[in-house]
Amino acid sequence: FNLEKSVRQELMEKFHKAGVKAVFSGHCHRNAGGSYEGLEMVVSS
């Protein structure tokens, strides 16, 4: 239900550096979420 850690880290750093505010996704069929250096990860059921 998530991305492999090295791929994830690369994307998070790229998004953070560019000032991305939020990533919205699904896939989990549950609500979830968290944050990384001001980048919000929103997982919708």
All heavy atoms as atom14 arrays in JSON, in Angstrom:
{
  "sequence": "FNLEKSVRQELMEKFHKAGVKAVFSGHCHRNAGGSYEGLEMVVSS",
  "atom14_mask": [
    [1, 1, 1, 1, 1, 1, 1, 1, 1, 1, 1, 0, 0, 0],
    [1, 1, 1, 1, 1, 1, 1, 1, 0, 0, 0, 0, 0, 0],
    [1, 1, 1, 1, 1, 1, 1, 1, 0, 0, 0, 0, 0, 0],
    [1, 1, 1, 1, 1, 1, 1, 1, 1, 0, 0, 0, 0, 0],
    [1, 1, 1, 1, 1, 1, 1, 1, 1, 0, 0, 0, 0, 0],
    [1, 1, 1, 1, 1, 1, 0, 0, 0, 0, 0, 0, 0, 0],
    [1, 1, 1, 1, 1, 1, 1, 0, 0, 0, 0, 0, 0, 0],
    [1, 1, 1, 1, 1, 1, 1, 1, 1, 1, 1, 0, 0, 0],
    [1, 1, 1, 1, 1, 1, 1, 1, 1, 0, 0, 0, 0, 0],
    [1, 1, 1, 1, 1, 1, 1, 1, 1, 0, 0, 0, 0, 0],
    [1, 1, 1, 1, 1, 1, 1, 1, 0, 0, 0, 0, 0, 0],
    [1, 1, 1, 1, 1, 1, 1, 1, 0, 0, 0, 0, 0, 0],
    [1, 1, 1, 1, 1, 1, 1, 1, 1, 0, 0, 0, 0, 0],
    [1, 1, 1, 1, 1, 1, 1, 1, 1, 0, 0, 0, 0, 0],
    [1, 1, 1, 1, 1, 1, 1, 1, 1, 1, 1, 0, 0, 0],
    [1, 1, 1, 1, 1, 1, 1, 1, 1, 1, 0, 0, 0, 0],
    [1, 1, 1, 1, 1, 1, 1, 1, 1, 0, 0, 0, 0, 0],
    [1, 1, 1, 1, 1, 0, 0, 0, 0, 0, 0, 0, 0, 0],
    [1, 1, 1, 1, 0, 0, 0, 0, 0, 0, 0, 0, 0, 0],
    [1, 1, 1, 1, 1, 1, 1, 0, 0, 0, 0, 0, 0, 0],
    [1, 1, 1, 1, 1, 1, 1, 1, 1, 0, 0, 0, 0, 0],
    [1, 1, 1, 1, 1, 0, 0, 0, 0, 0, 0, 0, 0, 0],
    [1, 1, 1, 1, 1, 1, 1, 0, 0, 0, 0, 0, 0, 0],
    [1, 1, 1, 1, 1, 1, 1, 1, 1, 1, 1, 0, 0, 0],
    [1, 1, 1, 1, 1, 1, 0, 0, 0, 0, 0, 0, 0, 0],
    [1, 1, 1, 1, 0, 0, 0, 0, 0, 0, 0, 0, 0, 0],
    [1, 1, 1, 1, 1, 1, 1, 1, 1, 1, 0, 0, 0, 0],
    [1, 1, 1, 1, 1, 1, 0, 0, 0, 0, 0, 0, 0, 0],
    [1, 1, 1, 1, 1, 1, 1, 1, 1, 1, 0, 0, 0, 0],
    [1, 1, 1, 1, 1, 1, 1, 1, 1, 1, 1, 0, 0, 0],
    [1, 1, 1, 1, 1, 1, 1, 1, 0, 0, 0, 0, 0, 0],
    [1, 1, 1, 1, 1, 0, 0, 0, 0, 0, 0, 0, 0, 0],
    [1, 1, 1, 1, 0, 0, 0, 0, 0, 0, 0, 0, 0, 0],
    [1, 1, 1, 1, 0, 0, 0, 0, 0, 0, 0, 0, 0, 0],
    [1, 1, 1, 1, 1, 1, 0, 0, 0, 0, 0, 0, 0, 0],
    [1, 1, 1, 1, 1, 1, 1, 1, 1, 1, 1, 1, 0, 0],
    [1, 1, 1, 1, 1, 1, 1, 1, 1, 0, 0, 0, 0, 0],
    [1, 1, 1, 1, 0, 0, 0, 0, 0, 0, 0, 0, 0, 0],
    [1, 1, 1, 1, 1, 1, 1, 1, 0, 0, 0, 0, 0, 0],
    [1, 1, 1, 1, 1, 1, 1, 1, 1, 0, 0, 0, 0, 0],
    [1, 1, 1, 1, 1, 1, 1, 1, 0, 0, 0, 0, 0, 0],
    [1, 1, 1, 1, 1, 1, 1, 0, 0, 0, 0, 0, 0, 0],
    [1, 1, 1, 1, 1, 1, 1, 0, 0, 0, 0, 0, 0, 0],
    [1, 1, 1, 1, 1, 1, 0, 0, 0, 0, 0, 0, 0, 0],
    [1, 1, 1, 1, 1, 1, 0, 0, 0, 0, 0, 0, 0, 0]
  ],
  "atom14_positions": [
    [[0.79, -1.23, 0.0], [0.0, 0.0, 0.0], [0.83, 1.29, 0.0], [0.27, 2.38, 0.11], [-0.96, 0.0, 1.21], [-2.08, -0.99, 1.07], [-2.14, -2.11, 1.89], [-3.07, -0.82, 0.12], [-3.17, -3.02, 1.77], [-4.11, -1.72, -0.02], [-4.16, -2.83, 0.81], [0.0, 0.0, 0.0], [0.0, 0.0, 0.0], [0.0, 0.0, 0.0]],
    [[2.15, 1.19, -0.11], [2.95, 2.4, -0.22], [4.1, 2.17, -1.2], [4.22, 1.07, -1.77], [3.47, 2.84, 1.16], [4.35, 1.79, 1.82], [4.93, 0.93, 1.17], [4.47, 1.87, 3.15], [0.0, 0.0, 0.0], [0.0, 0.0, 0.0], [0.0, 0.0, 0.0], [0.0, 0.0, 0.0], [0.0, 0.0, 0.0], [0.0, 0.0, 0.0]],
    [[4.92, 3.18, -1.4], [6.05, 3.06, -2.32], [7.3, 2.6, -1.58], [7.47, 2.85, -0.38], [6.31, 4.39, -3.01], [5.24, 4.86, -4.01], [5.64, 6.2, -4.62], [4.99, 3.83, -5.1], [0.0, 0.0, 0.0], [0.0, 0.0, 0.0], [0.0, 0.0, 0.0], [0.0, 0.0, 0.0], [0.0, 0.0, 0.0], [0.0, 0.0, 0.0]],
    [[8.16, 1.93, -2.32], [9.43, 1.44, -1.76], [10.22, 2.62, -1.19], [10.17, 3.74, -1.7], [10.2, 0.74, -2.89], [11.4, -0.05, -2.43], [12.64, 0.81, -2.35], [12.77, 1.73, -3.18], [13.47, 0.56, -1.45], [0.0, 0.0, 0.0], [0.0, 0.0, 0.0], [0.0, 0.0, 0.0], [0.0, 0.0, 0.0], [0.0, 0.0, 0.0]],
    [[10.96, 2.38, -0.11], [11.52, 3.46, 0.69], [12.46, 4.39, -0.08], [12.41, 5.61, 0.06], [12.23, 2.89, 1.93], [11.28, 2.35, 2.96], [11.99, 1.73, 4.14], [12.04, 2.69, 5.31], [12.53, 2.04, 6.56], [0.0, 0.0, 0.0], [0.0, 0.0, 0.0], [0.0, 0.0, 0.0], [0.0, 0.0, 0.0], [0.0, 0.0, 0.0]],
    [[13.34, 3.85, -0.91], [14.27, 4.71, -1.63], [13.55, 5.55, -2.68], [13.86, 6.74, -2.87], [15.39, 3.88, -2.28], [14.86, 3.01, -3.26], [0.0, 0.0, 0.0], [0.0, 0.0, 0.0], [0.0, 0.0, 0.0], [0.0, 0.0, 0.0], [0.0, 0.0, 0.0], [0.0, 0.0, 0.0], [0.0, 0.0, 0.0], [0.0, 0.0, 0.0]],
    [[12.58, 4.95, -3.36], [11.77, 5.69, -4.33], [10.97, 6.78, -3.63], [10.89, 7.93, -4.09], [10.83, 4.73, -5.09], [9.88, 5.5, -6.0], [11.62, 3.71, -5.89], [0.0, 0.0, 0.0], [0.0, 0.0, 0.0], [0.0, 0.0, 0.0], [0.0, 0.0, 0.0], [0.0, 0.0, 0.0], [0.0, 0.0, 0.0], [0.0, 0.0, 0.0]],
    [[10.37, 6.4, -2.52], [9.59, 7.33, -1.7], [10.44, 8.52, -1.26], [10.02, 9.68, -1.39], [9.06, 6.58, -0.48], [8.24, 7.41, 0.49], [8.1, 6.68, 1.82], [7.79, 5.27, 1.67], [7.89, 4.38, 2.65], [8.29, 4.75, 3.86], [7.59, 3.11, 2.45], [0.0, 0.0, 0.0], [0.0, 0.0, 0.0], [0.0, 0.0, 0.0]],
    [[11.62, 8.24, -0.77], [12.48, 9.3, -0.26], [12.87, 10.27, -1.37], [12.87, 11.5, -1.18], [13.74, 8.71, 0.38], [14.61, 9.72, 1.11], [13.91, 10.33, 2.32], [13.15, 9.65, 3.0], [14.16, 11.61, 2.57], [0.0, 0.0, 0.0], [0.0, 0.0, 0.0], [0.0, 0.0, 0.0], [0.0, 0.0, 0.0], [0.0, 0.0, 0.0]],
    [[13.18, 9.73, -2.53], [13.54, 10.58, -3.66], [12.4, 11.5, -4.05], [12.61, 12.7, -4.3], [13.95, 9.71, -4.85], [14.38, 10.49, -6.07], [14.77, 9.6, -7.24], [15.01, 8.39, -7.03], [14.83, 10.12, -8.37], [0.0, 0.0, 0.0], [0.0, 0.0, 0.0], [0.0, 0.0, 0.0], [0.0, 0.0, 0.0], [0.0, 0.0, 0.0]],
    [[11.19, 10.96, -4.1], [10.02, 11.77, -4.46], [9.72, 12.8, -3.37], [9.43, 13.96, -3.68], [8.8, 10.88, -4.7], [8.75, 10.15, -6.04], [7.62, 9.14, -6.05], [8.59, 11.14, -7.19], [0.0, 0.0, 0.0], [0.0, 0.0, 0.0], [0.0, 0.0, 0.0], [0.0, 0.0, 0.0], [0.0, 0.0, 0.0], [0.0, 0.0, 0.0]],
    [[9.79, 12.38, -2.11], [9.5, 13.32, -1.02], [10.46, 14.49, -1.05], [10.05, 15.65, -0.88], [9.55, 12.6, 0.33], [8.41, 11.64, 0.57], [8.3, 11.03, 2.28], [9.93, 10.32, 2.54], [0.0, 0.0, 0.0], [0.0, 0.0, 0.0], [0.0, 0.0, 0.0], [0.0, 0.0, 0.0], [0.0, 0.0, 0.0], [0.0, 0.0, 0.0]],
    [[11.72, 14.21, -1.26], [12.71, 15.28, -1.3], [12.49, 16.2, -2.5], [12.61, 17.42, -2.4], [14.12, 14.69, -1.32], [14.51, 14.04, 0.0], [15.89, 13.42, -0.02], [16.57, 13.51, -1.07], [16.29, 12.82, 0.99], [0.0, 0.0, 0.0], [0.0, 0.0, 0.0], [0.0, 0.0, 0.0], [0.0, 0.0, 0.0], [0.0, 0.0, 0.0]],
    [[12.15, 15.6, -3.64], [11.89, 16.4, -4.84], [10.66, 17.3, -4.62], [10.68, 18.5, -4.95], [11.65, 15.47, -6.05], [11.38, 16.2, -7.35], [11.23, 15.23, -8.51], [12.55, 14.65, -8.95], [12.43, 13.89, -10.22], [0.0, 0.0, 0.0], [0.0, 0.0, 0.0], [0.0, 0.0, 0.0], [0.0, 0.0, 0.0], [0.0, 0.0, 0.0]],
    [[9.61, 16.74, -4.03], [8.4, 17.51, -3.78], [8.67, 18.61, -2.74], [8.22, 19.75, -2.9], [7.28, 16.6, -3.28], [6.73, 15.66, -4.33], [5.99, 14.54, -3.95], [6.94, 15.88, -5.67], [5.46, 13.68, -4.89], [6.43, 15.02, -6.63], [5.69, 13.91, -6.24], [0.0, 0.0, 0.0], [0.0, 0.0, 0.0], [0.0, 0.0, 0.0]],
    [[9.37, 18.25, -1.69], [9.66, 19.24, -0.64], [10.47, 20.4, -1.21], [10.17, 21.57, -0.94], [10.41, 18.56, 0.51], [10.95, 19.5, 1.53], [10.14, 20.34, 2.28], [12.23, 19.78, 1.9], [10.89, 21.07, 3.07], [12.15, 20.75, 2.86], [0.0, 0.0, 0.0], [0.0, 0.0, 0.0], [0.0, 0.0, 0.0], [0.0, 0.0, 0.0]],
    [[11.49, 20.1, -1.96], [12.34, 21.13, -2.55], [11.55, 22.06, -3.47], [11.8, 23.27, -3.52], [13.49, 20.48, -3.32], [14.48, 21.47, -3.92], [15.62, 20.76, -4.64], [16.59, 21.76, -5.25], [17.68, 21.05, -6.0], [0.0, 0.0, 0.0], [0.0, 0.0, 0.0], [0.0, 0.0, 0.0], [0.0, 0.0, 0.0], [0.0, 0.0, 0.0]],
    [[10.57, 21.49, -4.18], [9.77, 22.28, -5.12], [8.64, 23.04, -4.44], [7.98, 23.87, -5.07], [9.19, 21.37, -6.21], [0.0, 0.0, 0.0], [0.0, 0.0, 0.0], [0.0, 0.0, 0.0], [0.0, 0.0, 0.0], [0.0, 0.0, 0.0], [0.0, 0.0, 0.0], [0.0, 0.0, 0.0], [0.0, 0.0, 0.0], [0.0, 0.0, 0.0]],
    [[8.39, 22.74, -3.17], [7.33, 23.43, -2.44], [5.95, 22.81, -2.61], [4.93, 23.49, -2.4], [0.0, 0.0, 0.0], [0.0, 0.0, 0.0], [0.0, 0.0, 0.0], [0.0, 0.0, 0.0], [0.0, 0.0, 0.0], [0.0, 0.0, 0.0], [0.0, 0.0, 0.0], [0.0, 0.0, 0.0], [0.0, 0.0, 0.0], [0.0, 0.0, 0.0]],
    [[5.88, 21.54, -2.97], [4.58, 20.86, -3.07], [3.93, 20.85, -1.69], [4.57, 20.5, -0.69], [4.76, 19.42, -3.6], [3.43, 18.68, -3.57], [5.34, 19.44, -5.01], [0.0, 0.0, 0.0], [0.0, 0.0, 0.0], [0.0, 0.0, 0.0], [0.0, 0.0, 0.0], [0.0, 0.0, 0.0], [0.0, 0.0, 0.0], [0.0, 0.0, 0.0]],
    [[2.66, 21.25, -1.63], [1.96, 21.34, -0.35], [1.33, 20.01, 0.05], [1.29, 19.68, 1.25], [0.86, 22.4, -0.44], [1.36, 23.83, -0.43], [1.85, 24.23, 0.96], [2.28, 25.69, 0.99], [1.18, 26.61, 0.8], [0.0, 0.0, 0.0], [0.0, 0.0, 0.0], [0.0, 0.0, 0.0], [0.0, 0.0, 0.0], [0.0, 0.0, 0.0]],
    [[0.78, 19.27, -0.91], [0.05, 18.06, -0.55], [0.05, 17.07, -1.69], [0.07, 17.45, -2.86], [-1.39, 18.4, -0.15], [0.0, 0.0, 0.0], [0.0, 0.0, 0.0], [0.0, 0.0, 0.0], [0.0, 0.0, 0.0], [0.0, 0.0, 0.0], [0.0, 0.0, 0.0], [0.0, 0.0, 0.0], [0.0, 0.0, 0.0], [0.0, 0.0, 0.0]],
    [[0.02, 15.78, -1.31], [-0.18, 14.68, -2.25], [-1.45, 13.97, -1.84], [-1.6, 13.56, -0.67], [1.01, 13.69, -2.21], [0.75, 12.51, -3.15], [2.31, 14.39, -2.57], [0.0, 0.0, 0.0], [0.0, 0.0, 0.0], [0.0, 0.0, 0.0], [0.0, 0.0, 0.0], [0.0, 0.0, 0.0], [0.0, 0.0, 0.0], [0.0, 0.0, 0.0]],
    [[-2.39, 13.82, -2.77], [-3.65, 13.12, -2.51], [-3.65, 11.79, -3.25], [-3.31, 11.74, -4.44], [-4.85, 13.97, -2.97], [-5.1, 15.17, -2.12], [-4.45, 16.37, -2.37], [-5.99, 15.11, -1.05], [-4.67, 17.49, -1.57], [-6.23, 16.22, -0.25], [-5.56, 17.41, -0.51], [0.0, 0.0, 0.0], [0.0, 0.0, 0.0], [0.0, 0.0, 0.0]],
    [[-4.03, 10.74, -2.56], [-4.01, 9.41, -3.17], [-5.17, 8.57, -2.67], [-5.99, 9.01, -1.84], [-2.68, 8.7, -2.86], [-2.62, 8.37, -1.49], [0.0, 0.0, 0.0], [0.0, 0.0, 0.0], [0.0, 0.0, 0.0], [0.0, 0.0, 0.0], [0.0, 0.0, 0.0], [0.0, 0.0, 0.0], [0.0, 0.0, 0.0], [0.0, 0.0, 0.0]],
    [[-5.23, 7.32, -3.15], [-6.21, 6.33, -2.7], [-5.5, 5.03, -2.4], [-4.58, 4.97, -1.6], [0.0, 0.0, 0.0], [0.0, 0.0, 0.0], [0.0, 0.0, 0.0], [0.0, 0.0, 0.0], [0.0, 0.0, 0.0], [0.0, 0.0, 0.0], [0.0, 0.0, 0.0], [0.0, 0.0, 0.0], [0.0, 0.0, 0.0], [0.0, 0.0, 0.0]],
    [[-5.96, 3.94, -3.06], [-5.28, 2.64, -3.05], [-5.47, 1.83, -1.76], [-5.59, 0.62, -1.81], [-3.79, 2.83, -3.33], [-3.02, 1.57, -3.56], [-3.4, 0.61, -4.48], [-1.87, 1.1, -3.0], [-2.52, -0.38, -4.48], [-1.58, -0.1, -3.58], [0.0, 0.0, 0.0], [0.0, 0.0, 0.0], [0.0, 0.0, 0.0], [0.0, 0.0, 0.0]],
    [[-5.52, 2.5, -0.63], [-5.54, 1.8, 0.66], [-6.93, 1.34, 1.06], [-7.08, 0.46, 1.89], [-4.96, 2.72, 1.73], [-4.69, 1.95, 3.33], [0.0, 0.0, 0.0], [0.0, 0.0, 0.0], [0.0, 0.0, 0.0], [0.0, 0.0, 0.0], [0.0, 0.0, 0.0], [0.0, 0.0, 0.0], [0.0, 0.0, 0.0], [0.0, 0.0, 0.0]],
    [[-7.98, 1.94, 0.48], [-9.37, 1.65, 0.84], [-9.62, 1.94, 2.32], [-10.51, 1.36, 2.95], [-9.75, 0.22, 0.48], [-9.73, -0.05, -0.99], [-10.88, -0.18, -1.75], [-8.7, -0.2, -1.86], [-10.55, -0.41, -3.01], [-9.23, -0.41, -3.1], [0.0, 0.0, 0.0], [0.0, 0.0, 0.0], [0.0, 0.0, 0.0], [0.0, 0.0, 0.0]],
    [[-8.83, 2.84, 2.88], [-8.97, 3.34, 4.24], [-8.45, 4.78, 4.24], [-7.62, 5.14, 3.42], [-8.12, 2.55, 5.24], [-8.32, 1.05, 5.24], [-7.25, 0.4, 6.11], [-7.27, -1.06, 6.07], [-6.65, -1.81, 5.16], [-5.95, -1.23, 4.19], [-6.71, -3.11, 5.21], [0.0, 0.0, 0.0], [0.0, 0.0, 0.0], [0.0, 0.0, 0.0]],
    [[-8.91, 5.57, 5.19], [-8.34, 6.91, 5.36], [-7.04, 6.82, 6.15], [-6.95, 6.05, 7.12], [-9.33, 7.82, 6.09], [-10.46, 8.27, 5.2], [-10.23, 8.69, 4.07], [-11.68, 8.17, 5.7], [0.0, 0.0, 0.0], [0.0, 0.0, 0.0], [0.0, 0.0, 0.0], [0.0, 0.0, 0.0], [0.0, 0.0, 0.0], [0.0, 0.0, 0.0]],
    [[-6.05, 7.57, 5.72], [-4.76, 7.58, 6.4], [-4.06, 8.88, 6.03], [-4.62, 9.74, 5.34], [-3.92, 6.36, 5.99], [0.0, 0.0, 0.0], [0.0, 0.0, 0.0], [0.0, 0.0, 0.0], [0.0, 0.0, 0.0], [0.0, 0.0, 0.0], [0.0, 0.0, 0.0], [0.0, 0.0, 0.0], [0.0, 0.0, 0.0], [0.0, 0.0, 0.0]],
    [[-2.82, 9.02, 6.49], [-2.06, 10.2, 6.11], [-1.02, 10.59, 7.15], [-1.0, 10.07, 8.27], [0.0, 0.0, 0.0], [0.0, 0.0, 0.0], [0.0, 0.0, 0.0], [0.0, 0.0, 0.0], [0.0, 0.0, 0.0], [0.0, 0.0, 0.0], [0.0, 0.0, 0.0], [0.0, 0.0, 0.0], [0.0, 0.0, 0.0], [0.0, 0.0, 0.0]],
    [[-0.16, 11.51, 6.75], [0.9, 12.0, 7.61], [1.59, 13.17, 6.93], [1.05, 13.76, 5.98], [0.0, 0.0, 0.0], [0.0, 0.0, 0.0], [0.0, 0.0, 0.0], [0.0, 0.0, 0.0], [0.0, 0.0, 0.0], [0.0, 0.0, 0.0], [0.0, 0.0, 0.0], [0.0, 0.0, 0.0], [0.0, 0.0, 0.0], [0.0, 0.0, 0.0]],
    [[2.8, 13.5, 7.37], [3.5, 14.63, 6.78], [5.01, 14.4, 6.77], [5.54, 13.61, 7.57], [3.19, 15.92, 7.53], [3.67, 15.86, 8.86], [0.0, 0.0, 0.0], [0.0, 0.0, 0.0], [0.0, 0.0, 0.0], [0.0, 0.0, 0.0], [0.0, 0.0, 0.0], [0.0, 0.0, 0.0], [0.0, 0.0, 0.0], [0.0, 0.0, 0.0]],
    [[5.66, 15.1, 5.85], [7.11, 15.07, 5.72], [7.6, 16.48, 5.41], [7.31, 17.02, 4.33], [7.53, 14.12, 4.59], [9.0, 14.2, 4.22], [9.95, 13.53, 4.96], [9.42, 14.96, 3.13], [11.31, 13.61, 4.63], [10.76, 15.05, 2.79], [11.7, 14.37, 3.55], [13.03, 14.47, 3.23], [0.0, 0.0, 0.0], [0.0, 0.0, 0.0]],
    [[8.26, 17.1, 6.35], [8.86, 18.42, 6.14], [7.87, 19.42, 5.54], [8.19, 20.15, 4.59], [10.09, 18.3, 5.24], [11.18, 17.39, 5.77], [11.91, 17.98, 6.96], [11.81, 19.2, 7.17], [12.59, 17.22, 7.67], [0.0, 0.0, 0.0], [0.0, 0.0, 0.0], [0.0, 0.0, 0.0], [0.0, 0.0, 0.0], [0.0, 0.0, 0.0]],
    [[6.65, 19.42, 6.05], [5.64, 20.34, 5.55], [4.83, 19.85, 4.38], [3.87, 20.51, 3.95], [0.0, 0.0, 0.0], [0.0, 0.0, 0.0], [0.0, 0.0, 0.0], [0.0, 0.0, 0.0], [0.0, 0.0, 0.0], [0.0, 0.0, 0.0], [0.0, 0.0, 0.0], [0.0, 0.0, 0.0], [0.0, 0.0, 0.0], [0.0, 0.0, 0.0]],
    [[5.21, 18.71, 3.81], [4.46, 18.08, 2.72], [3.42, 17.16, 3.34], [3.76, 16.21, 4.06], [5.4, 17.28, 1.83], [4.77, 16.33, 0.81], [4.02, 17.11, -0.27], [5.82, 15.43, 0.17], [0.0, 0.0, 0.0], [0.0, 0.0, 0.0], [0.0, 0.0, 0.0], [0.0, 0.0, 0.0], [0.0, 0.0, 0.0], [0.0, 0.0, 0.0]],
    [[2.14, 17.4, 3.07], [1.09, 16.56, 3.62], [0.76, 15.4, 2.68], [0.58, 15.61, 1.48], [-0.18, 17.38, 3.9], [-1.25, 16.55, 4.6], [-2.5, 17.34, 4.98], [-2.65, 18.48, 4.5], [-3.32, 16.8, 5.74], [0.0, 0.0, 0.0], [0.0, 0.0, 0.0], [0.0, 0.0, 0.0], [0.0, 0.0, 0.0], [0.0, 0.0, 0.0]],
    [[0.69, 14.2, 3.22], [0.27, 13.02, 2.47], [-1.15, 12.68, 2.91], [-1.39, 12.37, 4.08], [1.22, 11.86, 2.78], [0.92, 10.54, 2.06], [1.17, 10.61, 0.28], [-0.52, 10.42, -0.32], [0.0, 0.0, 0.0], [0.0, 0.0, 0.0], [0.0, 0.0, 0.0], [0.0, 0.0, 0.0], [0.0, 0.0, 0.0], [0.0, 0.0, 0.0]],
    [[-2.1, 12.76, 1.97], [-3.52, 12.53, 2.27], [-3.97, 11.26, 1.54], [-3.92, 11.2, 0.31], [-4.39, 13.72, 1.83], [-5.84, 13.5, 2.25], [-3.85, 15.02, 2.42], [0.0, 0.0, 0.0], [0.0, 0.0, 0.0], [0.0, 0.0, 0.0], [0.0, 0.0, 0.0], [0.0, 0.0, 0.0], [0.0, 0.0, 0.0], [0.0, 0.0, 0.0]],
    [[-4.39, 10.28, 2.3], [-4.86, 9.0, 1.75], [-6.36, 8.9, 1.99], [-6.8, 8.88, 3.15], [-4.13, 7.81, 2.39], [-4.55, 6.51, 1.71], [-2.62, 7.99, 2.32], [0.0, 0.0, 0.0], [0.0, 0.0, 0.0], [0.0, 0.0, 0.0], [0.0, 0.0, 0.0], [0.0, 0.0, 0.0], [0.0, 0.0, 0.0], [0.0, 0.0, 0.0]],
    [[-7.13, 8.85, 0.92], [-8.59, 8.82, 1.04], [-9.13, 7.42, 0.82], [-8.67, 6.68, -0.06], [-9.23, 9.76, 0.02], [-8.91, 11.11, 0.32], [0.0, 0.0, 0.0], [0.0, 0.0, 0.0], [0.0, 0.0, 0.0], [0.0, 0.0, 0.0], [0.0, 0.0, 0.0], [0.0, 0.0, 0.0], [0.0, 0.0, 0.0], [0.0, 0.0, 0.0]],
    [[-10.12, 7.07, 1.62], [-10.77, 5.77, 1.46], [-11.59, 5.75, 0.18], [-11.64, 6.71, -0.57], [-11.63, 5.45, 2.69], [-11.96, 4.07, 2.71], [0.0, 0.0, 0.0], [0.0, 0.0, 0.0], [0.0, 0.0, 0.0], [0.0, 0.0, 0.0], [0.0, 0.0, 0.0], [0.0, 0.0, 0.0], [0.0, 0.0, 0.0], [0.0, 0.0, 0.0]]
  ]
}
